[in-house]
Amino acid sequence: MAEEDVILKDGWEQVLRNPELQEKESISNLIDFL
């Protein structure tokens, strides 16, 4: 939200169910990307 200069995030539970994100390195890469 540019007006508030705030970033909201939701969906961690959903995205972490993917088999691609079962390894620590993949989760770390996702966090770095975010």
PDB file of all heavy atoms in Angstrom:
ATOM      1  N   MET A   1       0.847  -1.182   0.000  1.00  0.00           N
ATOM      2  CA  MET A   1       0.000   0.000   0.000  1.00  0.00           C
ATOM      3  C   MET A   1       0.886   1.237   0.000  1.00  0.00           C
ATOM      4  O   MET A   1       1.491   1.579   1.020  1.00  0.00           O
ATOM      5  CB  MET A   1      -0.914  -0.001   1.227  1.00  0.00           C
ATOM      6  CG  MET A   1      -1.893  -1.159   1.255  1.00  0.00           C
ATOM      7  SD  MET A   1      -2.923  -1.118   2.745  1.00  0.00           S
ATOM      8  CE  MET A   1      -1.703  -1.595   3.969  1.00  0.00           C
ATOM      9  N   ALA A   2       0.981   1.878  -1.149  1.00  0.00           N
ATOM     10  CA  ALA A   2       1.853   3.043  -1.269  1.00  0.00           C
ATOM     11  C   ALA A   2       1.408   4.165  -0.341  1.00  0.00           C
ATOM     12  O   ALA A   2       2.230   4.875   0.248  1.00  0.00           O
ATOM     13  CB  ALA A   2       1.861   3.520  -2.725  1.00  0.00           C
ATOM     14  N   GLU A   3       0.097   4.310  -0.201  1.00  0.00           N
ATOM     15  CA  GLU A   3      -0.438   5.392   0.632  1.00  0.00           C
ATOM     16  C   GLU A   3      -0.022   5.225   2.092  1.00  0.00           C
ATOM     17  O   GLU A   3       0.230   6.197   2.798  1.00  0.00           O
ATOM     18  CB  GLU A   3      -1.968   5.388   0.527  1.00  0.00           C
ATOM     19  CG  GLU A   3      -2.635   6.564   1.208  1.00  0.00           C
ATOM     20  CD  GLU A   3      -4.121   6.565   0.945  1.00  0.00           C
ATOM     21  OE1 GLU A   3      -4.670   5.527   0.575  1.00  0.00           O
ATOM     22  OE2 GLU A   3      -4.746   7.624   1.115  1.00  0.00           O
ATOM     23  N   GLU A   4       0.045   3.986   2.543  1.00  0.00           N
ATOM     24  CA  GLU A   4       0.415   3.695   3.933  1.00  0.00           C
ATOM     25  C   GLU A   4       1.882   3.309   4.083  1.00  0.00           C
ATOM     26  O   GLU A   4       2.396   3.224   5.206  1.00  0.00           O
ATOM     27  CB  GLU A   4      -0.450   2.540   4.458  1.00  0.00           C
ATOM     28  CG  GLU A   4      -1.945   2.724   4.304  1.00  0.00           C
ATOM     29  CD  GLU A   4      -2.494   3.678   5.335  1.00  0.00           C
ATOM     30  OE1 GLU A   4      -1.865   3.805   6.396  1.00  0.00           O
ATOM     31  OE2 GLU A   4      -3.543   4.294   5.078  1.00  0.00           O
ATOM     32  N   ASP A   5       2.541   3.050   2.957  1.00  0.00           N
ATOM     33  CA  ASP A   5       3.914   2.531   2.945  1.00  0.00           C
ATOM     34  C   ASP A   5       4.023   1.278   3.800  1.00  0.00           C
ATOM     35  O   ASP A   5       4.899   1.151   4.662  1.00  0.00           O
ATOM     36  CB  ASP A   5       4.914   3.593   3.428  1.00  0.00           C
ATOM     37  CG  ASP A   5       6.367   3.187   3.132  1.00  0.00           C
ATOM     38  OD1 ASP A   5       6.575   2.387   2.198  1.00  0.00           O
ATOM     39  OD2 ASP A   5       7.272   3.647   3.847  1.00  0.00           O
ATOM     40  N   VAL A   6       3.101   0.347   3.556  1.00  0.00           N
ATOM     41  CA  VAL A   6       3.018  -0.897   4.328  1.00  0.00           C
ATOM     42  C   VAL A   6       2.963  -2.073   3.367  1.00  0.00           C
ATOM     43  O   VAL A   6       2.325  -1.996   2.318  1.00  0.00           O
ATOM     44  CB  VAL A   6       1.761  -0.903   5.235  1.00  0.00           C
ATOM     45  CG1 VAL A   6       1.535  -2.287   5.849  1.00  0.00           C
ATOM     46  CG2 VAL A   6       1.888   0.133   6.339  1.00  0.00           C
ATOM     47  N   ILE A   7       3.647  -3.164   3.741  1.00  0.00           N
ATOM     48  CA  ILE A   7       3.588  -4.412   2.976  1.00  0.00           C
ATOM     49  C   ILE A   7       2.927  -5.484   3.833  1.00  0.00           C
ATOM     50  O   ILE A   7       3.335  -5.723   4.970  1.00  0.00           O
ATOM     51  CB  ILE A   7       4.989  -4.886   2.552  1.00  0.00           C
ATOM     52  CG1 ILE A   7       5.643  -3.860   1.624  1.00  0.00           C
ATOM     53  CG2 ILE A   7       4.910  -6.246   1.845  1.00  0.00           C
ATOM     54  CD1 ILE A   7       7.064  -4.204   1.236  1.00  0.00           C
ATOM     55  N   LEU A   8       1.908  -6.098   3.282  1.00  0.00           N
ATOM     56  CA  LEU A   8       1.217  -7.203   3.954  1.00  0.00           C
ATOM     57  C   LEU A   8       1.590  -8.513   3.265  1.00  0.00           C
ATOM     58  O   LEU A   8       1.760  -8.551   2.044  1.00  0.00           O
ATOM     59  CB  LEU A   8      -0.302  -7.008   3.889  1.00  0.00           C
ATOM     60  CG  LEU A   8      -0.859  -5.705   4.467  1.00  0.00           C
ATOM     61  CD1 LEU A   8      -2.357  -5.620   4.194  1.00  0.00           C
ATOM     62  CD2 LEU A   8      -0.581  -5.618   5.954  1.00  0.00           C
ATOM     63  N   LYS A   9       1.683  -9.583   4.039  1.00  0.00           N
ATOM     64  CA  LYS A   9       1.967 -10.908   3.475  1.00  0.00           C
ATOM     65  C   LYS A   9       1.009 -11.917   4.071  1.00  0.00           C
ATOM     66  O   LYS A   9       0.704 -11.873   5.260  1.00  0.00           O
ATOM     67  CB  LYS A   9       3.412 -11.341   3.770  1.00  0.00           C
ATOM     68  CG  LYS A   9       4.473 -10.541   3.045  1.00  0.00           C
ATOM     69  CD  LYS A   9       5.833 -11.201   3.158  1.00  0.00           C
ATOM     70  CE  LYS A   9       6.406 -11.075   4.566  1.00  0.00           C
ATOM     71  NZ  LYS A   9       6.868  -9.733   4.885  1.00  0.00           N
ATOM     72  N   ASP A  10       0.552 -12.837   3.231  1.00  0.00           N
ATOM     73  CA  ASP A  10      -0.303 -13.920   3.709  1.00  0.00           C
ATOM     74  C   ASP A  10      -0.105 -15.124   2.781  1.00  0.00           C
ATOM     75  O   ASP A  10       0.231 -14.956   1.612  1.00  0.00           O
ATOM     76  CB  ASP A  10      -1.779 -13.502   3.700  1.00  0.00           C
ATOM     77  CG  ASP A  10      -2.599 -14.246   4.747  1.00  0.00           C
ATOM     78  OD1 ASP A  10      -2.437 -15.478   4.850  1.00  0.00           O
ATOM     79  OD2 ASP A  10      -3.387 -13.602   5.451  1.00  0.00           O
ATOM     80  N   GLY A  11      -0.313 -16.312   3.333  1.00  0.00           N
ATOM     81  CA  GLY A  11      -0.237 -17.518   2.511  1.00  0.00           C
ATOM     82  C   GLY A  11       0.946 -18.417   2.789  1.00  0.00           C
ATOM     83  O   GLY A  11       1.227 -19.336   2.018  1.00  0.00           O
ATOM     84  N   TRP A  12       1.650 -18.186   3.898  1.00  0.00           N
ATOM     85  CA  TRP A  12       2.809 -19.036   4.215  1.00  0.00           C
ATOM     86  C   TRP A  12       2.395 -20.505   4.306  1.00  0.00           C
ATOM     87  O   TRP A  12       3.080 -21.390   3.788  1.00  0.00           O
ATOM     88  CB  TRP A  12       3.444 -18.591   5.533  1.00  0.00           C
ATOM     89  CG  TRP A  12       4.302 -17.386   5.420  1.00  0.00           C
ATOM     90  CD1 TRP A  12       4.004 -16.118   5.840  1.00  0.00           C
ATOM     91  CD2 TRP A  12       5.601 -17.303   4.821  1.00  0.00           C
ATOM     92  NE1 TRP A  12       5.033 -15.262   5.553  1.00  0.00           N
ATOM     93  CE2 TRP A  12       6.027 -15.957   4.925  1.00  0.00           C
ATOM     94  CE3 TRP A  12       6.437 -18.228   4.211  1.00  0.00           C
ATOM     95  CZ2 TRP A  12       7.255 -15.524   4.449  1.00  0.00           C
ATOM     96  CZ3 TRP A  12       7.671 -17.801   3.730  1.00  0.00           C
ATOM     97  CH2 TRP A  12       8.065 -16.469   3.844  1.00  0.00           C
ATOM     98  N   GLU A  13       1.289 -20.738   4.991  1.00  0.00           N
ATOM     99  CA  GLU A  13       0.848 -22.129   5.179  1.00  0.00           C
ATOM    100  C   GLU A  13       0.565 -22.790   3.836  1.00  0.00           C
ATOM    101  O   GLU A  13       0.939 -23.951   3.606  1.00  0.00           O
ATOM    102  CB  GLU A  13      -0.406 -22.155   6.050  1.00  0.00           C
ATOM    103  CG  GLU A  13      -0.912 -23.565   6.355  1.00  0.00           C
ATOM    104  CD  GLU A  13      -2.127 -23.559   7.262  1.00  0.00           C
ATOM    105  OE1 GLU A  13      -2.454 -22.488   7.822  1.00  0.00           O
ATOM    106  OE2 GLU A  13      -2.739 -24.622   7.409  1.00  0.00           O
ATOM    107  N   GLN A  14      -0.073 -22.050   2.932  1.00  0.00           N
ATOM    108  CA  GLN A  14      -0.413 -22.604   1.625  1.00  0.00           C
ATOM    109  C   GLN A  14       0.835 -22.911   0.798  1.00  0.00           C
ATOM    110  O   GLN A  14       0.979 -23.999   0.231  1.00  0.00           O
ATOM    111  CB  GLN A  14      -1.317 -21.635   0.852  1.00  0.00           C
ATOM    112  CG  GLN A  14      -2.716 -21.483   1.434  1.00  0.00           C
ATOM    113  CD  GLN A  14      -2.778 -20.376   2.475  1.00  0.00           C
ATOM    114  OE1 GLN A  14      -1.819 -20.096   3.183  1.00  0.00           O
ATOM    115  NE2 GLN A  14      -3.932 -19.737   2.576  1.00  0.00           N
ATOM    116  N   VAL A  15       1.753 -21.956   0.715  1.00  0.00           N
ATOM    117  CA  VAL A  15       2.892 -22.133  -0.172  1.00  0.00           C
ATOM    118  C   VAL A  15       3.867 -23.185   0.350  1.00  0.00           C
ATOM    119  O   VAL A  15       4.503 -23.903  -0.424  1.00  0.00           O
ATOM    120  CB  VAL A  15       3.607 -20.778  -0.420  1.00  0.00           C
ATOM    121  CG1 VAL A  15       4.472 -20.381   0.765  1.00  0.00           C
ATOM    122  CG2 VAL A  15       4.429 -20.824  -1.706  1.00  0.00           C
ATOM    123  N   LEU A  16       3.971 -23.321   1.668  1.00  0.00           N
ATOM    124  CA  LEU A  16       4.915 -24.279   2.236  1.00  0.00           C
ATOM    125  C   LEU A  16       4.438 -25.725   2.108  1.00  0.00           C
ATOM    126  O   LEU A  16       5.196 -26.654   2.397  1.00  0.00           O
ATOM    127  CB  LEU A  16       5.186 -23.950   3.708  1.00  0.00           C
ATOM    128  CG  LEU A  16       5.988 -22.667   3.953  1.00  0.00           C
ATOM    129  CD1 LEU A  16       6.123 -22.389   5.445  1.00  0.00           C
ATOM    130  CD2 LEU A  16       7.369 -22.749   3.298  1.00  0.00           C
ATOM    131  N   ARG A  17       3.207 -25.919   1.655  1.00  0.00           N
ATOM    132  CA  ARG A  17       2.731 -27.279   1.405  1.00  0.00           C
ATOM    133  C   ARG A  17       3.318 -27.866   0.118  1.00  0.00           C
ATOM    134  O   ARG A  17       3.265 -29.075  -0.094  1.00  0.00           O
ATOM    135  CB  ARG A  17       1.203 -27.279   1.286  1.00  0.00           C
ATOM    136  CG  ARG A  17       0.479 -27.024   2.599  1.00  0.00           C
ATOM    137  CD  ARG A  17      -1.001 -26.904   2.361  1.00  0.00           C
ATOM    138  NE  ARG A  17      -1.736 -26.573   3.579  1.00  0.00           N
ATOM    139  CZ  ARG A  17      -2.944 -26.045   3.599  1.00  0.00           C
ATOM    140  NH1 ARG A  17      -3.565 -25.780   2.458  1.00  0.00           N
ATOM    141  NH2 ARG A  17      -3.543 -25.781   4.733  1.00  0.00           N
ATOM    142  N   ASN A  18       3.852 -27.027  -0.740  1.00  0.00           N
ATOM    143  CA  ASN A  18       4.397 -27.507  -2.009  1.00  0.00           C
ATOM    144  C   ASN A  18       5.633 -28.361  -1.775  1.00  0.00           C
ATOM    145  O   ASN A  18       6.488 -28.016  -0.951  1.00  0.00           O
ATOM    146  CB  ASN A  18       4.764 -26.316  -2.908  1.00  0.00           C
ATOM    147  CG  ASN A  18       3.548 -25.625  -3.466  1.00  0.00           C
ATOM    148  OD1 ASN A  18       2.911 -26.111  -4.395  1.00  0.00           O
ATOM    149  ND2 ASN A  18       3.198 -24.473  -2.900  1.00  0.00           N
ATOM    150  N   PRO A  19       5.763 -29.470  -2.506  1.00  0.00           N
ATOM    151  CA  PRO A  19       6.936 -30.337  -2.322  1.00  0.00           C
ATOM    152  C   PRO A  19       8.251 -29.638  -2.624  1.00  0.00           C
ATOM    153  O   PRO A  19       9.292 -30.003  -2.071  1.00  0.00           O
ATOM    154  CB  PRO A  19       6.680 -31.498  -3.301  1.00  0.00           C
ATOM    155  CG  PRO A  19       5.654 -30.997  -4.258  1.00  0.00           C
ATOM    156  CD  PRO A  19       4.820 -30.015  -3.499  1.00  0.00           C
ATOM    157  N   GLU A  20       8.223 -28.611  -3.474  1.00  0.00           N
ATOM    158  CA  GLU A  20       9.450 -27.881  -3.796  1.00  0.00           C
ATOM    159  C   GLU A  20      10.003 -27.133  -2.585  1.00  0.00           C
ATOM    160  O   GLU A  20      11.176 -26.745  -2.579  1.00  0.00           O
ATOM    161  CB  GLU A  20       9.192 -26.856  -4.920  1.00  0.00           C
ATOM    162  CG  GLU A  20       8.816 -27.475  -6.255  1.00  0.00           C
ATOM    163  CD  GLU A  20       7.319 -27.620  -6.430  1.00  0.00           C
ATOM    164  OE1 GLU A  20       6.596 -27.699  -5.405  1.00  0.00           O
ATOM    165  OE2 GLU A  20       6.877 -27.651  -7.581  1.00  0.00           O
ATOM    166  N   LEU A  21       9.167 -26.923  -1.583  1.00  0.00           N
ATOM    167  CA  LEU A  21       9.583 -26.121  -0.433  1.00  0.00           C
ATOM    168  C   LEU A  21       9.731 -26.959   0.834  1.00  0.00           C
ATOM    169  O   LEU A  21       9.547 -26.466   1.946  1.00  0.00           O
ATOM    170  CB  LEU A  21       8.585 -24.982  -0.210  1.00  0.00           C
ATOM    171  CG  LEU A  21       8.733 -23.853  -1.230  1.00  0.00           C
ATOM    172  CD1 LEU A  21       7.490 -23.005  -1.292  1.00  0.00           C
ATOM    173  CD2 LEU A  21       9.935 -22.991  -0.920  1.00  0.00           C
ATOM    174  N   GLN A  22      10.087 -28.206   0.658  1.00  0.00           N
ATOM    175  CA  GLN A  22      10.325 -29.080   1.807  1.00  0.00           C
ATOM    176  C   GLN A  22      11.781 -29.046   2.269  1.00  0.00           C
ATOM    177  O   GLN A  22      12.111 -29.589   3.323  1.00  0.00           O
ATOM    178  CB  GLN A  22       9.910 -30.517   1.475  1.00  0.00           C
ATOM    179  CG  GLN A  22       8.444 -30.650   1.107  1.00  0.00           C
ATOM    180  CD  GLN A  22       7.507 -30.036   2.133  1.00  0.00           C
ATOM    181  OE1 GLN A  22       7.541 -30.409   3.309  1.00  0.00           O
ATOM    182  NE2 GLN A  22       6.675 -29.091   1.715  1.00  0.00           N
ATOM    183  N   GLU A  23      12.658 -28.456   1.473  1.00  0.00           N
ATOM    184  CA  GLU A  23      14.071 -28.358   1.841  1.00  0.00           C
ATOM    185  C   GLU A  23      14.373 -26.978   2.422  1.00  0.00           C
ATOM    186  O   GLU A  23      13.818 -25.961   1.990  1.00  0.00           O
ATOM    187  CB  GLU A  23      14.958 -28.594   0.612  1.00  0.00           C
ATOM    188  CG  GLU A  23      14.747 -29.949  -0.066  1.00  0.00           C
ATOM    189  CD  GLU A  23      15.181 -31.097   0.826  1.00  0.00           C
ATOM    190  OE1 GLU A  23      16.087 -30.886   1.659  1.00  0.00           O
ATOM    191  OE2 GLU A  23      14.620 -32.199   0.692  1.00  0.00           O
ATOM    192  N   LYS A  24      15.274 -26.949   3.406  1.00  0.00           N
ATOM    193  CA  LYS A  24      15.621 -25.690   4.064  1.00  0.00           C
ATOM    194  C   LYS A  24      16.184 -24.675   3.075  1.00  0.00           C
ATOM    195  O   LYS A  24      15.917 -23.472   3.182  1.00  0.00           O
ATOM    196  CB  LYS A  24      16.628 -25.945   5.187  1.00  0.00           C
ATOM    197  CG  LYS A  24      16.029 -26.652   6.403  1.00  0.00           C
ATOM    198  CD  LYS A  24      17.058 -26.796   7.504  1.00  0.00           C
ATOM    199  CE  LYS A  24      16.452 -27.472   8.735  1.00  0.00           C
ATOM    200  NZ  LYS A  24      17.447 -27.621   9.831  1.00  0.00           N
ATOM    201  N   GLU A  25      16.974 -25.148   2.119  1.00  0.00           N
ATOM    202  CA  GLU A  25      17.584 -24.222   1.150  1.00  0.00           C
ATOM    203  C   GLU A  25      16.513 -23.529   0.315  1.00  0.00           C
ATOM    204  O   GLU A  25      16.610 -22.326   0.032  1.00  0.00           O
ATOM    205  CB  GLU A  25      18.547 -24.979   0.238  1.00  0.00           C
ATOM    206  CG  GLU A  25      19.251 -24.064  -0.758  1.00  0.00           C
ATOM    207  CD  GLU A  25      20.225 -24.810  -1.652  1.00  0.00           C
ATOM    208  OE1 GLU A  25      20.381 -26.038  -1.474  1.00  0.00           O
ATOM    209  OE2 GLU A  25      20.831 -24.167  -2.530  1.00  0.00           O
ATOM    210  N   SER A  26      15.479 -24.268  -0.081  1.00  0.00           N
ATOM    211  CA  SER A  26      14.402 -23.675  -0.873  1.00  0.00           C
ATOM    212  C   SER A  26      13.650 -22.624  -0.074  1.00  0.00           C
ATOM    213  O   SER A  26      13.313 -21.552  -0.591  1.00  0.00           O
ATOM    214  CB  SER A  26      13.439 -24.771  -1.341  1.00  0.00           C
ATOM    215  OG  SER A  26      14.086 -25.698  -2.166  1.00  0.00           O
ATOM    216  N   ILE A  27      13.381 -22.922   1.199  1.00  0.00           N
ATOM    217  CA  ILE A  27      12.696 -21.944   2.053  1.00  0.00           C
ATOM    218  C   ILE A  27      13.561 -20.702   2.230  1.00  0.00           C
ATOM    219  O   ILE A  27      13.072 -19.574   2.178  1.00  0.00           O
ATOM    220  CB  ILE A  27      12.360 -22.571   3.414  1.00  0.00           C
ATOM    221  CG1 ILE A  27      11.389 -23.738   3.243  1.00  0.00           C
ATOM    222  CG2 ILE A  27      11.756 -21.524   4.352  1.00  0.00           C
ATOM    223  CD1 ILE A  27      11.127 -24.515   4.509  1.00  0.00           C
ATOM    224  N   SER A  28      14.866 -20.919   2.422  1.00  0.00           N
ATOM    225  CA  SER A  28      15.787 -19.791   2.573  1.00  0.00           C
ATOM    226  C   SER A  28      15.812 -18.928   1.318  1.00  0.00           C
ATOM    227  O   SER A  28      15.817 -17.692   1.395  1.00  0.00           O
ATOM    228  CB  SER A  28      17.192 -20.314   2.889  1.00  0.00           C
ATOM    229  OG  SER A  28      18.119 -19.256   2.956  1.00  0.00           O
ATOM    230  N   ASN A  29      15.804 -19.578   0.146  1.00  0.00           N
ATOM    231  CA  ASN A  29      15.797 -18.828  -1.108  1.00  0.00           C
ATOM    232  C   ASN A  29      14.513 -18.028  -1.259  1.00  0.00           C
ATOM    233  O   ASN A  29      14.533 -16.883  -1.746  1.00  0.00           O
ATOM    234  CB  ASN A  29      15.956 -19.784  -2.292  1.00  0.00           C
ATOM    235  CG  ASN A  29      17.359 -20.326  -2.422  1.00  0.00           C
ATOM    236  OD1 ASN A  29      18.306 -19.771  -1.870  1.00  0.00           O
ATOM    237  ND2 ASN A  29      17.509 -21.422  -3.139  1.00  0.00           N
ATOM    238  N   LEU A  30      13.397 -18.615  -0.840  1.00  0.00           N
ATOM    239  CA  LEU A  30      12.126 -17.902  -0.921  1.00  0.00           C
ATOM    240  C   LEU A  30      12.145 -16.673  -0.011  1.00  0.00           C
ATOM    241  O   LEU A  30      11.716 -15.585  -0.410  1.00  0.00           O
ATOM    242  CB  LEU A  30      10.977 -18.828  -0.531  1.00  0.00           C
ATOM    243  CG  LEU A  30       9.587 -18.185  -0.473  1.00  0.00           C
ATOM    244  CD1 LEU A  30       9.194 -17.596  -1.817  1.00  0.00           C
ATOM    245  CD2 LEU A  30       8.544 -19.197  -0.007  1.00  0.00           C
ATOM    246  N   ILE A  31      12.644 -16.843   1.192  1.00  0.00           N
ATOM    247  CA  ILE A  31      12.714 -15.705   2.125  1.00  0.00           C
ATOM    248  C   ILE A  31      13.622 -14.612   1.572  1.00  0.00           C
ATOM    249  O   ILE A  31      13.292 -13.414   1.639  1.00  0.00           O
ATOM    250  CB  ILE A  31      13.202 -16.186   3.507  1.00  0.00           C
ATOM    251  CG1 ILE A  31      12.143 -17.078   4.163  1.00  0.00           C
ATOM    252  CG2 ILE A  31      13.514 -14.992   4.413  1.00  0.00           C
ATOM    253  CD1 ILE A  31      12.606 -17.744   5.430  1.00  0.00           C
ATOM    254  N   ASP A  32      14.777 -14.992   1.008  1.00  0.00           N
ATOM    255  CA  ASP A  32      15.676 -14.000   0.410  1.00  0.00           C
ATOM    256  C   ASP A  32      14.999 -13.279  -0.757  1.00  0.00           C
ATOM    257  O   ASP A  32      15.183 -12.060  -0.937  1.00  0.00           O
ATOM    258  CB  ASP A  32      16.954 -14.684  -0.080  1.00  0.00           C
ATOM    259  CG  ASP A  32      17.866 -15.116   1.059  1.00  0.00           C
ATOM    260  OD1 ASP A  32      17.660 -14.638   2.200  1.00  0.00           O
ATOM    261  OD2 ASP A  32      18.776 -15.928   0.817  1.00  0.00           O
ATOM    262  N   PHE A  33      14.235 -14.018  -1.545  1.00  0.00           N
ATOM    263  CA  PHE A  33      13.520 -13.430  -2.672  1.00  0.00           C
ATOM    264  C   PHE A  33      12.490 -12.408  -2.176  1.00  0.00           C
ATOM    265  O   PHE A  33      12.376 -11.301  -2.704  1.00  0.00           O
ATOM    266  CB  PHE A  33      12.846 -14.534  -3.480  1.00  0.00           C
ATOM    267  CG  PHE A  33      12.076 -14.057  -4.690  1.00  0.00           C
ATOM    268  CD1 PHE A  33      12.501 -12.967  -5.436  1.00  0.00           C
ATOM    269  CD2 PHE A  33      10.913 -14.711  -5.086  1.00  0.00           C
ATOM    270  CE1 PHE A  33      11.796 -12.535  -6.558  1.00  0.00           C
ATOM    271  CE2 PHE A  33      10.204 -14.294  -6.196  1.00  0.00           C
ATOM    272  CZ  PHE A  33      10.643 -13.203  -6.927  1.00  0.00           C
ATOM    273  N   LEU A  34      11.768 -12.772  -1.130  1.00  0.00           N
ATOM    274  CA  LEU A  34      10.770 -11.859  -0.576  1.00  0.00           C
ATOM    275  C   LEU A  34      11.420 -10.605   0.001  1.00  0.00           C
ATOM    276  O   LEU A  34      10.898  -9.491  -0.153  1.00  0.00           O
ATOM    277  CB  LEU A  34       9.955 -12.569   0.499  1.00  0.00           C
ATOM    278  CG  LEU A  34       9.100 -13.748   0.032  1.00  0.00           C
ATOM    279  CD1 LEU A  34       8.407 -14.404   1.214  1.00  0.00           C
ATOM    280  CD2 LEU A  34       8.079 -13.300  -1.003  1.00  0.00           C
TER     281      LEU A  34
END
